[in-house]
Amino acid sequence: MKWPQSPLKAKNLDQEQLKQFLAIRADYEKCAFVTEGHLEVRALGPKEFVKPIPPGESAITALAVAADGWLYGATSGARAHLFFYNPSPDADAVADIGVVAENATIPTLEFRADHTLVGVANANGQAQFFTYKSCAVLLAEKDFTGLGVREIFDFPAEDQLFFSTIDPCHSAGQIDLLGEPLPFPVADFKLLDEGHEAVVINESSGELVRLSLVTGQLRRLGRLDPNGNFSPRLTTDRQGRIYGAGLYGRLFRYDPCAGILEPLEATAPSLRGHQLYNRVTAWLPENASGVIYGGTIDGILFRYLPAENRLVCLGKPTAETNVCALARAGHRVYALLGLPDDCAHLACYDEETGELRDLGCLLARSERPWNGYSFAAMATGRHGVVFMGENDRISQLFLFFPPVLDME
């Protein structure tokens, strides 16, 4: 390929050529980066108050937003941490809740109906489920009958509910392990029965398993593919049915009420010749319009309509492969794309216009200058802010504030 020469190498540039060159240069300096909306980062622990989650332990691999708007996240690495981010003005800081496991990965976090956070940590070929109860949940569960004023005000969870800018890391809550470890690692899970059961994917075999989080009883539902060709992520529709993909990216559905696991006549799109390696790498649960969005290892976005069992390919917005995560804000769906060795791109699909665009690489200037390269998780908070978890040796929590038009 012959690249165009720089205008500077040309002799005797006239006034019009010089002006065009300067305009091109000014635009080119920033054209690779996201220039719409607003990007910020938060360190995983403000060093002015606490020791931040250290390098090698800070890769964010799961995010979940609580009903009160607080964001909870999990890291993976030499030590897997649980953290929260309180977006209120008198906090606005990430607090490290604590270490869940050593040399572990935490692929998923979900909330139970009682606001308890449920997660799973993979380590040494096993999976350990755990729960986290915030101080607010602990306080709601506490029976103060018969206690004196001093005992009430000395209750740790009650004290930890108070916070300010001079004490942002006020809360630790309580982490508890659930039962014995599973004899296999978990790729993903979805909660059932108000959080007392879970459907999990065996990361080693691709087998779908129904697990009681109370008794630890396992019930094998079936293999997604005899040769282990499966996608590592699950999603749900508004009826509580669970979806995933097997060989070639062919979708399946599990109805927990009927106990039926069935393949569907819908296959995630892939590039020609890549069908055997096709995987659905990210999902976005069904919205009010009855649409489930997904992304593949090839970097292709699609939407699936459960009521019609119909899948529509939306396209490939960037040269990068691997859709890392998806999130919705207003009438737009945002996607992060890129392999760990790439420089991730943020893409956007507009549900109203049908436009699919590459928004560019992620560069934040506040609260510190930071380029985002590798990501693994997204979640939408209150007022449409999109949280993005960097998945690198030294990672930050990215906050993307979409354009105002996004919220109309």
Foldseek 3Di string as FASTA:
>chain_A
DDDDDQPVVDPDDDPVRVVVNVVVVVCVVDVQAQDFFAKAWAFQFDPVADDHQAFQAAFWQEWDAFPVQKIWTWTAGQFIWIWIADCDPFARHIATLGTDDGRWGKHYWDAFPLRKIWTWIDDPFWIWIKIWDWLVSVVVPDDCPPPDPVVVVPPQSVQLVDGGNVRNRSINTDMGIQDDIGNGDWLDWDADDRRQKIWTARQVQRWIWIAGSHPRDIDTLGHLDRVRAFASDWEAEPQGWIWTAGALQFMWIADVVVRDIGTAPDHDDDDPPCSRVKYFQEWDYQDPVQKIWTAIQQQWIWIARVVVRDIGTLGHADNFGDFQYWEAFAQKIWTWGHDQVFQIWIWIAGNVPSDTHTSRWHFHPPPHTDTARAWHYWYAGPPGWIWTGGRRSRTIIMIGGGHPVSND
